[in-house]
Amino acid sequence: MERNCKKDFQSWKGTMALKLLCCNIAAGRFNWRKYCTPQPYYGHEICVIPLHSSYGQIGYTVYFPYTNMPEVEYDWEMGKLTVDEENWQEYFAA
């Protein structure tokens, strides 16, 4: 499946904000609790929704309200970071 990231977002700036978000999450530098209500993040408003299972929280989903940017999901139990249900590194490699 071939993908052009710039077609999926409104701008190059949006692509860079999304990539920076993924890099910060992967490196453990993203404070997700700060964004449980919509807050600005490098020029884009983001919001976090915790992911829960029957035995507690297992991660979170970051979404960009009022834009067509994809959701970023981090499952810390499985160590899995995805953009639109695709591995984040593969998503940006295309």
PDB file of N, CA and C in Angstrom:
ATOM      1  N   MET A   1       0.834  -1.178   0.000  1.00  0.00           N
ATOM      2  CA  MET A   1       0.000   0.000   0.000  1.00  0.00           C
ATOM      3  C   MET A   1       0.880   1.243   0.000  1.00  0.00           C
ATOM      4  N   GLU A   2       0.777   2.035  -1.040  1.00  0.00           N
ATOM      5  CA  GLU A   2       1.587   3.230  -1.149  1.00  0.00           C
ATOM      6  C   GLU A   2       0.837   4.408  -0.547  1.00  0.00           C
ATOM      7  N   ARG A   3       1.544   5.224   0.185  1.00  0.00           N
ATOM      8  CA  ARG A   3       0.890   6.337   0.872  1.00  0.00           C
ATOM      9  C   ARG A   3       1.749   7.591   0.744  1.00  0.00           C
ATOM     10  N   ASN A   4       1.108   8.693   0.488  1.00  0.00           N
ATOM     11  CA  ASN A   4       1.775   9.979   0.470  1.00  0.00           C
ATOM     12  C   ASN A   4       1.260  10.764   1.667  1.00  0.00           C
ATOM     13  N   CYS A   5       2.105  10.954   2.677  1.00  0.00           N
ATOM     14  CA  CYS A   5       1.676  11.580   3.929  1.00  0.00           C
ATOM     15  C   CYS A   5       1.116  12.980   3.719  1.00  0.00           C
ATOM     16  N   LYS A   6       1.692  13.731   2.783  1.00  0.00           N
ATOM     17  CA  LYS A   6       1.244  15.107   2.593  1.00  0.00           C
ATOM     18  C   LYS A   6      -0.188  15.189   2.087  1.00  0.00           C
ATOM     19  N   LYS A   7      -0.667  14.187   1.388  1.00  0.00           N
ATOM     20  CA  LYS A   7      -2.047  14.196   0.920  1.00  0.00           C
ATOM     21  C   LYS A   7      -3.020  13.976   2.073  1.00  0.00           C
ATOM     22  N   ASP A   8      -2.588  13.295   3.117  1.00  0.00           N
ATOM     23  CA  ASP A   8      -3.466  12.950   4.230  1.00  0.00           C
ATOM     24  C   ASP A   8      -3.697  14.106   5.196  1.00  0.00           C
ATOM     25  N   PHE A   9      -2.871  15.101   5.188  1.00  0.00           N
ATOM     26  CA  PHE A   9      -2.982  16.203   6.137  1.00  0.00           C
ATOM     27  C   PHE A   9      -3.159  17.514   5.407  1.00  0.00           C
ATOM     28  N   GLN A  10      -3.493  18.544   6.168  1.00  0.00           N
ATOM     29  CA  GLN A  10      -3.706  19.834   5.550  1.00  0.00           C
ATOM     30  C   GLN A  10      -2.407  20.533   5.185  1.00  0.00           C
ATOM     31  N   SER A  11      -1.270  20.162   5.776  1.00  0.00           N
ATOM     32  CA  SER A  11      -0.027  20.860   5.455  1.00  0.00           C
ATOM     33  C   SER A  11       1.199  20.077   5.905  1.00  0.00           C
ATOM     34  N   TRP A  12       2.346  20.550   5.438  1.00  0.00           N
ATOM     35  CA  TRP A  12       3.632  19.999   5.859  1.00  0.00           C
ATOM     36  C   TRP A  12       3.810  20.200   7.355  1.00  0.00           C
ATOM     37  N   LYS A  13       3.351  21.331   7.868  1.00  0.00           N
ATOM     38  CA  LYS A  13       3.453  21.626   9.299  1.00  0.00           C
ATOM     39  C   LYS A  13       2.690  20.591  10.130  1.00  0.00           C
ATOM     40  N   GLY A  14       1.529  20.183   9.648  1.00  0.00           N
ATOM     41  CA  GLY A  14       0.754  19.155  10.335  1.00  0.00           C
ATOM     42  C   GLY A  14       1.483  17.829  10.360  1.00  0.00           C
ATOM     43  N   THR A  15       2.144  17.491   9.258  1.00  0.00           N
ATOM     44  CA  THR A  15       2.912  16.252   9.182  1.00  0.00           C
ATOM     45  C   THR A  15       4.056  16.267  10.192  1.00  0.00           C
ATOM     46  N   MET A  16       4.731  17.404  10.285  1.00  0.00           N
ATOM     47  CA  MET A  16       5.850  17.504  11.222  1.00  0.00           C
ATOM     48  C   MET A  16       5.372  17.452  12.676  1.00  0.00           C
ATOM     49  N   ALA A  17       4.232  18.078  12.974  1.00  0.00           N
ATOM     50  CA  ALA A  17       3.690  18.017  14.337  1.00  0.00           C
ATOM     51  C   ALA A  17       3.326  16.579  14.703  1.00  0.00           C
ATOM     52  N   LEU A  18       2.752  15.854  13.755  1.00  0.00           N
ATOM     53  CA  LEU A  18       2.386  14.458  13.993  1.00  0.00           C
ATOM     54  C   LEU A  18       3.628  13.594  14.204  1.00  0.00           C
ATOM     55  N   LYS A  19       4.645  13.817  13.391  1.00  0.00           N
ATOM     56  CA  LYS A  19       5.881  13.042  13.522  1.00  0.00           C
ATOM     57  C   LYS A  19       6.590  13.362  14.843  1.00  0.00           C
ATOM     58  N   LEU A  20       6.600  14.639  15.223  1.00  0.00           N
ATOM     59  CA  LEU A  20       7.203  15.038  16.494  1.00  0.00           C
ATOM     60  C   LEU A  20       6.459  14.408  17.664  1.00  0.00           C
ATOM     61  N   LEU A  21       5.139  14.384  17.587  1.00  0.00           N
ATOM     62  CA  LEU A  21       4.330  13.741  18.623  1.00  0.00           C
ATOM     63  C   LEU A  21       4.708  12.267  18.756  1.00  0.00           C
ATOM     64  N   CYS A  22       4.796  11.567  17.635  1.00  0.00           N
ATOM     65  CA  CYS A  22       5.151  10.141  17.663  1.00  0.00           C
ATOM     66  C   CYS A  22       6.546   9.918  18.239  1.00  0.00           C
ATOM     67  N   CYS A  23       7.501  10.750  17.845  1.00  0.00           N
ATOM     68  CA  CYS A  23       8.868  10.612  18.364  1.00  0.00           C
ATOM     69  C   CYS A  23       8.910  10.857  19.871  1.00  0.00           C
ATOM     70  N   ASN A  24       8.167  11.851  20.342  1.00  0.00           N
ATOM     71  CA  ASN A  24       8.138  12.133  21.780  1.00  0.00           C
ATOM     72  C   ASN A  24       7.454  11.026  22.566  1.00  0.00           C
ATOM     73  N   ILE A  25       6.395  10.450  22.021  1.00  0.00           N
ATOM     74  CA  ILE A  25       5.731   9.325  22.693  1.00  0.00           C
ATOM     75  C   ILE A  25       6.680   8.133  22.760  1.00  0.00           C
ATOM     76  N   ALA A  26       7.324   7.815  21.639  1.00  0.00           N
ATOM     77  CA  ALA A  26       8.237   6.667  21.581  1.00  0.00           C
ATOM     78  C   ALA A  26       9.414   6.831  22.544  1.00  0.00           C
ATOM     79  N   ALA A  27       9.869   8.074  22.737  1.00  0.00           N
ATOM     80  CA  ALA A  27      11.004   8.327  23.626  1.00  0.00           C
ATOM     81  C   ALA A  27      10.587   8.505  25.085  1.00  0.00           C
ATOM     82  N   GLY A  28       9.284   8.468  25.358  1.00  0.00           N
ATOM     83  CA  GLY A  28       8.803   8.617  26.728  1.00  0.00           C
ATOM     84  C   GLY A  28       8.766  10.050  27.220  1.00  0.00           C
ATOM     85  N   ARG A  29       8.780  11.031  26.305  1.00  0.00           N
ATOM     86  CA  ARG A  29       8.798  12.446  26.690  1.00  0.00           C
ATOM     87  C   ARG A  29       7.429  13.115  26.620  1.00  0.00           C
ATOM     88  N   PHE A  30       6.391  12.392  26.243  1.00  0.00           N
ATOM     89  CA  PHE A  30       5.066  12.987  26.087  1.00  0.00           C
ATOM     90  C   PHE A  30       4.266  12.820  27.372  1.00  0.00           C
ATOM     91  N   ASN A  31       3.862  13.934  27.985  1.00  0.00           N
ATOM     92  CA  ASN A  31       3.062  13.914  29.213  1.00  0.00           C
ATOM     93  C   ASN A  31       1.589  13.893  28.821  1.00  0.00           C
ATOM     94  N   TRP A  32       1.040  12.718  28.626  1.00  0.00           N
ATOM     95  CA  TRP A  32      -0.318  12.586  28.105  1.00  0.00           C
ATOM     96  C   TRP A  32      -1.367  13.145  29.048  1.00  0.00           C
ATOM     97  N   ARG A  33      -1.111  13.154  30.355  1.00  0.00           N
ATOM     98  CA  ARG A  33      -2.102  13.650  31.327  1.00  0.00           C
ATOM     99  C   ARG A  33      -2.407  15.136  31.125  1.00  0.00           C
ATOM    100  N   LYS A  34      -1.436  15.869  30.628  1.00  0.00           N
ATOM    101  CA  LYS A  34      -1.601  17.306  30.382  1.00  0.00           C
ATOM    102  C   LYS A  34      -2.639  17.581  29.292  1.00  0.00           C
ATOM    103  N   TYR A  35      -2.860  16.620  28.419  1.00  0.00           N
ATOM    104  CA  TYR A  35      -3.712  16.830  27.246  1.00  0.00           C
ATOM    105  C   TYR A  35      -5.059  16.110  27.331  1.00  0.00           C
ATOM    106  N   CYS A  36      -5.533  15.812  28.540  1.00  0.00           N
ATOM    107  CA  CYS A  36      -6.853  15.178  28.677  1.00  0.00           C
ATOM    108  C   CYS A  36      -7.978  16.142  28.319  1.00  0.00           C
ATOM    109  N   THR A  37      -7.685  17.423  28.336  1.00  0.00           N
ATOM    110  CA  THR A  37      -8.579  18.429  27.761  1.00  0.00           C
ATOM    111  C   THR A  37      -7.822  19.036  26.588  1.00  0.00           C
ATOM    112  N   PRO A  38      -8.499  19.519  25.561  1.00  0.00           N
ATOM    113  CA  PRO A  38      -7.796  20.055  24.384  1.00  0.00           C
ATOM    114  C   PRO A  38      -6.789  21.149  24.750  1.00  0.00           C
ATOM    115  N   GLN A  39      -5.558  20.964  24.277  1.00  0.00           N
ATOM    116  CA  GLN A  39      -4.461  21.899  24.527  1.00  0.00           C
ATOM    117  C   GLN A  39      -3.656  22.064  23.247  1.00  0.00           C
ATOM    118  N   PRO A  40      -2.995  23.213  23.068  1.00  0.00           N
ATOM    119  CA  PRO A  40      -2.138  23.373  21.887  1.00  0.00           C
ATOM    120  C   PRO A  40      -0.867  22.528  21.999  1.00  0.00           C
ATOM    121  N   TYR A  41      -0.462  21.960  20.884  1.00  0.00           N
ATOM    122  CA  TYR A  41       0.767  21.162  20.806  1.00  0.00           C
ATOM    123  C   TYR A  41       1.444  21.511  19.484  1.00  0.00           C
ATOM    124  N   TYR A  42       2.507  22.308  19.546  1.00  0.00           N
ATOM    125  CA  TYR A  42       3.238  22.745  18.358  1.00  0.00           C
ATOM    126  C   TYR A  42       2.309  23.274  17.264  1.00  0.00           C
ATOM    127  N   GLY A  43       1.412  24.165  17.662  1.00  0.00           N
ATOM    128  CA  GLY A  43       0.538  24.827  16.704  1.00  0.00           C
ATOM    129  C   GLY A  43      -0.733  24.085  16.348  1.00  0.00           C
ATOM    130  N   HIS A  44      -0.955  22.919  16.907  1.00  0.00           N
ATOM    131  CA  HIS A  44      -2.164  22.133  16.642  1.00  0.00           C
ATOM    132  C   HIS A  44      -2.815  21.769  17.967  1.00  0.00           C
ATOM    133  N   GLU A  45      -4.129  21.815  18.001  1.00  0.00           N
ATOM    134  CA  GLU A  45      -4.846  21.420  19.203  1.00  0.00           C
ATOM    135  C   GLU A  45      -4.947  19.899  19.233  1.00  0.00           C
ATOM    136  N   ILE A  46      -4.587  19.310  20.386  1.00  0.00           N
ATOM    137  CA  ILE A  46      -4.699  17.859  20.543  1.00  0.00           C
ATOM    138  C   ILE A  46      -5.478  17.542  21.809  1.00  0.00           C
ATOM    139  N   CYS A  47      -5.979  16.332  21.878  1.00  0.00           N
ATOM    140  CA  CYS A  47      -6.688  15.851  23.060  1.00  0.00           C
ATOM    141  C   CYS A  47      -6.403  14.353  23.215  1.00  0.00           C
ATOM    142  N   VAL A  48      -6.324  13.903  24.451  1.00  0.00           N
ATOM    143  CA  VAL A  48      -6.006  12.501  24.753  1.00  0.00           C
ATOM    144  C   VAL A  48      -7.214  11.816  25.383  1.00  0.00           C
ATOM    145  N   ILE A  49      -7.468  10.593  24.935  1.00  0.00           N
ATOM    146  CA  ILE A  49      -8.493   9.739  25.528  1.00  0.00           C
ATOM    147  C   ILE A  49      -7.789   8.485  26.050  1.00  0.00           C
ATOM    148  N   PRO A  50      -7.876   8.206  27.351  1.00  0.00           N
ATOM    149  CA  PRO A  50      -7.257   6.987  27.885  1.00  0.00           C
ATOM    150  C   PRO A  50      -7.904   5.729  27.301  1.00  0.00           C
ATOM    151  N   LEU A  51      -7.091   4.692  27.060  1.00  0.00           N
ATOM    152  CA  LEU A  51      -7.593   3.397  26.598  1.00  0.00           C
ATOM    153  C   LEU A  51      -7.708   2.474  27.807  1.00  0.00           C
ATOM    154  N   HIS A  52      -8.879   1.906  27.995  1.00  0.00           N
ATOM    155  CA  HIS A  52      -9.113   1.029  29.144  1.00  0.00           C
ATOM    156  C   HIS A  52      -9.474  -0.377  28.688  1.00  0.00           C
ATOM    157  N   SER A  53      -9.110  -1.333  29.511  1.00  0.00           N
ATOM    158  CA  SER A  53      -9.544  -2.718  29.319  1.00  0.00           C
ATOM    159  C   SER A  53     -10.262  -3.132  30.604  1.00  0.00           C
ATOM    160  N   SER A  54     -10.627  -4.380  30.698  1.00  0.00           N
ATOM    161  CA  SER A  54     -11.358  -4.852  31.878  1.00  0.00           C
ATOM    162  C   SER A  54     -10.525  -4.776  33.157  1.00  0.00           C
ATOM    163  N   TYR A  55      -9.204  -4.691  33.031  1.00  0.00           N
ATOM    164  CA  TYR A  55      -8.350  -4.671  34.219  1.00  0.00           C
ATOM    165  C   TYR A  55      -7.602  -3.355  34.414  1.00  0.00           C
ATOM    166  N   GLY A  56      -7.986  -2.305  33.693  1.00  0.00           N
ATOM    167  CA  GLY A  56      -7.371  -0.994  33.907  1.00  0.00           C
ATOM    168  C   GLY A  56      -6.929  -0.330  32.622  1.00  0.00           C
ATOM    169  N   GLN A  57      -6.218   0.771  32.794  1.00  0.00           N
ATOM    170  CA  GLN A  57      -5.755   1.534  31.635  1.00  0.00           C
ATOM    171  C   GLN A  57      -4.569   0.845  30.979  1.00  0.00           C
ATOM    172  N   ILE A  58      -4.588   0.805  29.647  1.00  0.00           N
ATOM    173  CA  ILE A  58      -3.511   0.144  28.904  1.00  0.00           C
ATOM    174  C   ILE A  58      -2.810   1.086  27.930  1.00  0.00           C
ATOM    175  N   GLY A  59      -3.251   2.331  27.854  1.00  0.00           N
ATOM    176  CA  GLY A  59      -2.634   3.281  26.941  1.00  0.00           C
ATOM    177  C   GLY A  59      -3.529   4.479  26.727  1.00  0.00           C
ATOM    178  N   TYR A  60      -3.349   5.140  25.574  1.00  0.00           N
ATOM    179  CA  TYR A  60      -4.160   6.309  25.264  1.00  0.00           C
ATOM    180  C   TYR A  60      -4.200   6.553  23.760  1.00  0.00           C
ATOM    181  N   THR A  61      -5.204   7.328  23.346  1.00  0.00           N
ATOM    182  CA  THR A  61      -5.350   7.753  21.958  1.00  0.00           C
ATOM    183  C   THR A  61      -5.247   9.267  21.919  1.00  0.00           C
ATOM    184  N   VAL A  62      -4.440   9.780  20.997  1.00  0.00           N
ATOM    185  CA  VAL A  62      -4.319  11.222  20.795  1.00  0.00           C
ATOM    186  C   VAL A  62      -5.050  11.556  19.507  1.00  0.00           C
ATOM    187  N   TYR A  63      -5.940  12.534  19.575  1.00  0.00           N
ATOM    188  CA  TYR A  63      -6.621  12.968  18.357  1.00  0.00           C
ATOM    189  C   TYR A  63      -6.519  14.479  18.221  1.00  0.00           C
ATOM    190  N   PHE A  64      -6.703  14.946  17.003  1.00  0.00           N
ATOM    191  CA  PHE A  64      -6.612  16.355  16.653  1.00  0.00           C
ATOM    192  C   PHE A  64      -8.021  16.857  16.340  1.00  0.00           C
ATOM    193  N   PRO A  65      -8.692  17.515  17.304  1.00  0.00           N
ATOM    194  CA  PRO A  65     -10.064  17.970  17.057  1.00  0.00           C
ATOM    195  C   PRO A  65     -10.128  18.967  15.896  1.00  0.00           C
ATOM    196  N   TYR A  66     -11.183  18.900  15.147  1.00  0.00           N
ATOM    197  CA  TYR A  66     -11.482  19.840  14.055  1.00  0.00           C
ATOM    198  C   TYR A  66     -10.507  19.764  12.887  1.00  0.00           C
ATOM    199  N   THR A  67      -9.765  18.675  12.748  1.00  0.00           N
ATOM    200  CA  THR A  67      -8.866  18.503  11.600  1.00  0.00           C
ATOM    201  C   THR A  67      -9.060  17.106  11.029  1.00  0.00           C
ATOM    202  N   ASN A  68      -8.464  16.887   9.876  1.00  0.00           N
ATOM    203  CA  ASN A  68      -8.533  15.563   9.257  1.00  0.00           C
ATOM    204  C   ASN A  68      -7.270  14.748   9.518  1.00  0.00           C
ATOM    205  N   MET A  69      -6.491  15.132  10.524  1.00  0.00           N
ATOM    206  CA  MET A  69      -5.269  14.399  10.848  1.00  0.00           C
ATOM    207  C   MET A  69      -5.628  13.081  11.531  1.00  0.00           C
ATOM    208  N   PRO A  70      -4.832  12.048  11.315  1.00  0.00           N
ATOM    209  CA  PRO A  70      -5.147  10.723  11.876  1.00  0.00           C
ATOM    210  C   PRO A  70      -4.930  10.657  13.385  1.00  0.00           C
ATOM    211  N   GLU A  71      -5.550   9.673  13.998  1.00  0.00           N
ATOM    212  CA  GLU A  71      -5.368   9.436  15.429  1.00  0.00           C
ATOM    213  C   GLU A  71      -4.071   8.673  15.672  1.00  0.00           C
ATOM    214  N   VAL A  72      -3.451   8.977  16.792  1.00  0.00           N
ATOM    215  CA  VAL A  72      -2.242   8.282  17.234  1.00  0.00           C
ATOM    216  C   VAL A  72      -2.631   7.482  18.468  1.00  0.00           C
ATOM    217  N   GLU A  73      -2.321   6.196  18.457  1.00  0.00           N
ATOM    218  CA  GLU A  73      -2.686   5.334  19.576  1.00  0.00           C
ATOM    219  C   GLU A  73      -1.429   4.708  20.165  1.00  0.00           C
ATOM    220  N   TYR A  74      -1.301   4.795  21.494  1.00  0.00           N
ATOM    221  CA  TYR A  74      -0.168   4.181  22.179  1.00  0.00           C
ATOM    222  C   TYR A  74      -0.686   3.176  23.200  1.00  0.00           C
ATOM    223  N   ASP A  75      -0.311   1.933  23.025  1.00  0.00           N
ATOM    224  CA  ASP A  75      -0.671   0.853  23.942  1.00  0.00           C
ATOM    225  C   ASP A  75       0.604   0.489  24.695  1.00  0.00           C
ATOM    226  N   TRP A  76       0.731   0.979  25.934  1.00  0.00           N
ATOM    227  CA  TRP A  76       1.981   0.740  26.660  1.00  0.00           C
ATOM    228  C   TRP A  76       2.103  -0.683  27.161  1.00  0.00           C
ATOM    229  N   GLU A  77       1.010  -1.391  27.232  1.00  0.00           N
ATOM    230  CA  GLU A  77       1.080  -2.787  27.642  1.00  0.00           C
ATOM    231  C   GLU A  77       1.754  -3.641  26.567  1.00  0.00           C
ATOM    232  N   MET A  78       1.438  -3.363  25.309  1.00  0.00           N
ATOM    233  CA  MET A  78       2.044  -4.109  24.202  1.00  0.00           C
ATOM    234  C   MET A  78       3.246  -3.379  23.609  1.00  0.00           C
ATOM    235  N   GLY A  79       3.501  -2.153  24.061  1.00  0.00           N
ATOM    236  CA  GLY A  79       4.602  -1.360  23.524  1.00  0.00           C
ATOM    237  C   GLY A  79       4.377  -0.982  22.073  1.00  0.00           C
ATOM    238  N   LYS A  80       3.129  -0.679  21.721  1.00  0.00           N
ATOM    239  CA  LYS A  80       2.752  -0.466  20.323  1.00  0.00           C
ATOM    240  C   LYS A  80       2.274   0.968  20.100  1.00  0.00           C
ATOM    241  N   LEU A  81       2.920   1.669  19.165  1.00  0.00           N
ATOM    242  CA  LEU A  81       2.541   3.028  18.778  1.00  0.00           C
ATOM    243  C   LEU A  81       2.073   2.988  17.332  1.00  0.00           C
ATOM    244  N   THR A  82       0.840   3.425  17.092  1.00  0.00           N
ATOM    245  CA  THR A  82       0.279   3.358  15.742  1.00  0.00           C
ATOM    246  C   THR A  82      -0.317   4.694  15.325  1.00  0.00           C
ATOM    247  N   VAL A  83      -0.297   4.934  14.011  1.00  0.00           N
ATOM    248  CA  VAL A  83      -0.959   6.080  13.394  1.00  0.00           C
ATOM    249  C   VAL A  83      -1.967   5.491  12.428  1.00  0.00           C
ATOM    250  N   ASP A  84      -3.232   5.784  12.627  1.00  0.00           N
ATOM    251  CA  ASP A  84      -4.303   5.200  11.807  1.00  0.00           C
ATOM    252  C   ASP A  84      -4.192   3.674  11.726  1.00  0.00           C
ATOM    253  N   GLU A  85      -3.938   3.040  12.863  1.00  0.00           N
ATOM    254  CA  GLU A  85      -3.835   1.579  12.997  1.00  0.00           C
ATOM    255  C   GLU A  85      -2.683   0.964  12.200  1.00  0.00           C
ATOM    256  N   GLU A  86      -1.678   1.771  11.869  1.00  0.00           N
ATOM    257  CA  GLU A  86      -0.489   1.303  11.149  1.00  0.00           C
ATOM    258  C   GLU A  86       0.733   1.680  11.989  1.00  0.00           C
ATOM    259  N   ASN A  87       1.756   0.838  12.012  1.00  0.00           N
ATOM    260  CA  ASN A  87       2.974   1.136  12.755  1.00  0.00           C
ATOM    261  C   ASN A  87       3.453   2.536  12.385  1.00  0.00           C
ATOM    262  N   TRP A  88       3.787   3.343  13.376  1.00  0.00           N
ATOM    263  CA  TRP A  88       4.102   4.748  13.120  1.00  0.00           C
ATOM    264  C   TRP A  88       5.336   4.927  12.243  1.00  0.00           C
ATOM    265  N   GLN A  89       6.343   4.080  12.383  1.00  0.00           N
ATOM    266  CA  GLN A  89       7.544   4.218  11.558  1.00  0.00           C
ATOM    267  C   GLN A  89       7.257   3.860  10.107  1.00  0.00           C
ATOM    268  N   GLU A  90       6.438   2.847   9.878  1.00  0.00           N
ATOM    269  CA  GLU A  90       6.052   2.477   8.515  1.00  0.00           C
ATOM    270  C   GLU A  90       5.152   3.543   7.896  1.00  0.00           C
ATOM    271  N   TYR A  91       4.343   4.184   8.713  1.00  0.00           N
ATOM    272  CA  TYR A  91       3.435   5.227   8.227  1.00  0.00           C
ATOM    273  C   TYR A  91       4.216   6.383   7.609  1.00  0.00           C
ATOM    274  N   PHE A  92       5.316   6.784   8.262  1.00  0.00           N
ATOM    275  CA  PHE A  92       6.107   7.908   7.757  1.00  0.00           C
ATOM    276  C   PHE A  92       7.141   7.496   6.721  1.00  0.00           C
ATOM    277  N   ALA A  93       7.414   6.216   6.599  1.00  0.00           N
ATOM    278  CA  ALA A  93       8.407   5.744   5.628  1.00  0.00           C
ATOM    279  C   ALA A  93       7.879   5.802   4.199  1.00  0.00           C
ATOM    280  N   ALA A  94       6.580   5.747   4.041  1.00  0.00           N
ATOM    281  CA  ALA A  94       5.981   5.710   2.693  1.00  0.00           C
ATOM    282  C   ALA A  94       6.098   7.028   1.976  1.00  0.00           C
TER     283      ALA A  94
END
